[in-house]
Every structure is written in structure tokens, then in C-alpha cells.
Amino acid sequence: MALGAARSEVLRMVVGTGMALVAFGVLVGTAAALALTRLMATLVYDVSATDPVTFVGAAGTLGTVAMIACLLPASRASRIDPAVALRDE
């Protein structure tokens, strides 16, 4: 913001970076879960180990929590006065 970035640009940058990491983690986690379905089949009851609703629900829940976790610090960072932030450094 000290170099001319708008509040929306700061929010987009912080949230975008965080959500890119979340997307990578969800993809890797989903691939690992699908690869380990035989082991997982003994751990779940009344659901198949490859149930798409369960996979989408878990990924959606993780994505929602991660979005909130990214938005909170991003909104705080975008409200800080640039002069104060530079003075603290």
C-alpha cells in the first residue's frame, strides 16, 4: 500500500497466495486419499471409501475454513497505515 497498491489488491494478493497453497494441498490430499482407499475402507462405516460426496464435502469444508483463515489476516493487513508499518520495520 505504501507503493500505491489499493486495499482490494492487497486482499487479492494475500488471499490468492493462501488459497493457491490450499488448492495444492487439497489436490495432493485427495490423490493420497484415493491411493489409500483399501486401507481407508476398513476405517469408514456405511460409506464407500471412494464416495464422491464425502471427498467433495471434506475438500469444501477445508476450503471454506482456509478462506476464512486467509481473509482475517488479509483484511487486517489492508487496514494498516503504510507509514506505521514502514516505521515498525
Protein backbone atom coordinates (compact mmCIF):
# COMPACT_ATOMS: atom_id res chain seq x y z
CA MET A 1 0.00 0.00 0.00
CA ALA A 2 2.98 2.28 0.56
CA LEU A 3 3.85 1.87 -3.11
CA GLY A 4 0.34 2.62 -4.35
CA ALA A 5 -1.50 -0.68 -4.05
CA ALA A 6 -5.20 -0.42 -3.34
CA ARG A 7 -6.85 -2.24 -0.44
CA SER A 8 -8.54 -4.66 -2.84
CA GLU A 9 -5.21 -5.51 -4.47
CA VAL A 10 -3.65 -6.31 -1.10
CA LEU A 11 -6.61 -8.52 -0.19
CA ARG A 12 -6.47 -10.30 -3.54
CA MET A 13 -2.72 -10.90 -3.25
CA VAL A 14 -2.80 -12.30 0.29
CA VAL A 15 -5.94 -14.41 -0.20
CA GLY A 16 -4.81 -15.58 -3.64
CA THR A 17 -1.46 -16.78 -2.34
CA GLY A 18 -3.05 -18.58 0.59
CA MET A 19 -5.75 -20.22 -1.49
CA ALA A 20 -3.22 -21.38 -4.08
CA LEU A 21 -1.44 -23.28 -1.31
CA VAL A 22 -4.77 -24.66 -0.09
CA ALA A 23 -5.69 -25.83 -3.59
CA PHE A 24 -2.36 -27.62 -3.92
CA GLY A 25 -2.84 -29.26 -0.52
CA VAL A 26 -6.38 -30.38 -1.33
CA LEU A 27 -5.26 -31.88 -4.64
CA VAL A 28 -2.35 -33.74 -3.05
CA GLY A 29 -4.51 -34.87 -0.14
CA THR A 30 -7.28 -36.09 -2.42
CA ALA A 31 -4.80 -38.01 -4.55
CA ALA A 32 -3.26 -39.58 -1.45
CA ALA A 33 -6.69 -40.47 -0.06
CA LEU A 34 -7.70 -42.08 -3.33
CA ALA A 35 -4.43 -44.02 -3.41
CA LEU A 36 -5.06 -45.33 0.12
CA THR A 37 -8.68 -46.37 -0.36
CA ARG A 38 -8.02 -50.02 0.54
CA LEU A 39 -6.67 -49.02 3.94
CA MET A 40 -9.44 -46.46 4.44
CA ALA A 41 -12.16 -48.99 3.61
CA THR A 42 -11.64 -50.64 7.00
CA LEU A 43 -11.96 -47.29 8.80
CA VAL A 44 -15.26 -45.97 7.41
CA TYR A 45 -18.74 -47.33 8.11
CA ASP A 46 -21.82 -47.12 5.87
CA VAL A 47 -19.82 -45.19 3.24
CA SER A 48 -17.66 -46.47 0.43
CA ALA A 49 -14.01 -45.49 0.56
CA THR A 50 -14.33 -43.63 -2.74
CA ASP A 51 -17.62 -41.83 -2.01
CA PRO A 52 -17.51 -38.61 -4.08
CA VAL A 53 -19.88 -36.75 -1.75
CA THR A 54 -17.53 -37.36 1.17
CA PHE A 55 -14.49 -36.25 -0.80
CA VAL A 56 -16.20 -33.08 -2.05
CA GLY A 57 -17.60 -32.35 1.41
CA ALA A 58 -14.21 -32.68 3.07
CA ALA A 59 -12.48 -30.57 0.43
CA GLY A 60 -15.25 -27.96 0.60
CA THR A 61 -15.06 -27.74 4.37
CA LEU A 62 -11.29 -27.40 4.30
CA GLY A 63 -11.52 -24.77 1.56
CA THR A 64 -14.09 -22.74 3.50
CA VAL A 65 -12.07 -22.79 6.71
CA ALA A 66 -8.91 -21.89 4.78
CA MET A 67 -10.69 -18.98 3.06
CA ILE A 68 -11.70 -17.59 6.45
CA ALA A 69 -8.18 -18.14 7.75
CA CYS A 70 -6.79 -16.19 4.77
CA LEU A 71 -9.34 -13.38 4.89
CA LEU A 72 -8.80 -12.43 8.54
CA PRO A 73 -5.09 -11.51 8.28
CA ALA A 74 -5.59 -10.09 4.79
CA SER A 75 -8.25 -7.66 5.97
CA ARG A 76 -6.07 -6.66 8.89
CA ALA A 77 -3.06 -6.13 6.63
CA SER A 78 -5.08 -3.98 4.27
CA ARG A 79 -6.23 -1.68 7.10
CA ILE A 80 -2.75 -0.94 8.47
CA ASP A 81 -1.46 2.52 7.69
CA PRO A 82 1.61 2.11 5.41
CA ALA A 83 3.58 4.75 7.30
CA VAL A 84 3.08 2.90 10.59
CA ALA A 85 4.05 -0.42 9.00
CA LEU A 86 7.22 1.05 7.50
CA ARG A 87 8.15 2.76 10.76
CA ASP A 88 7.86 -0.56 12.65
CA GLU A 89 10.24 -2.28 10.22
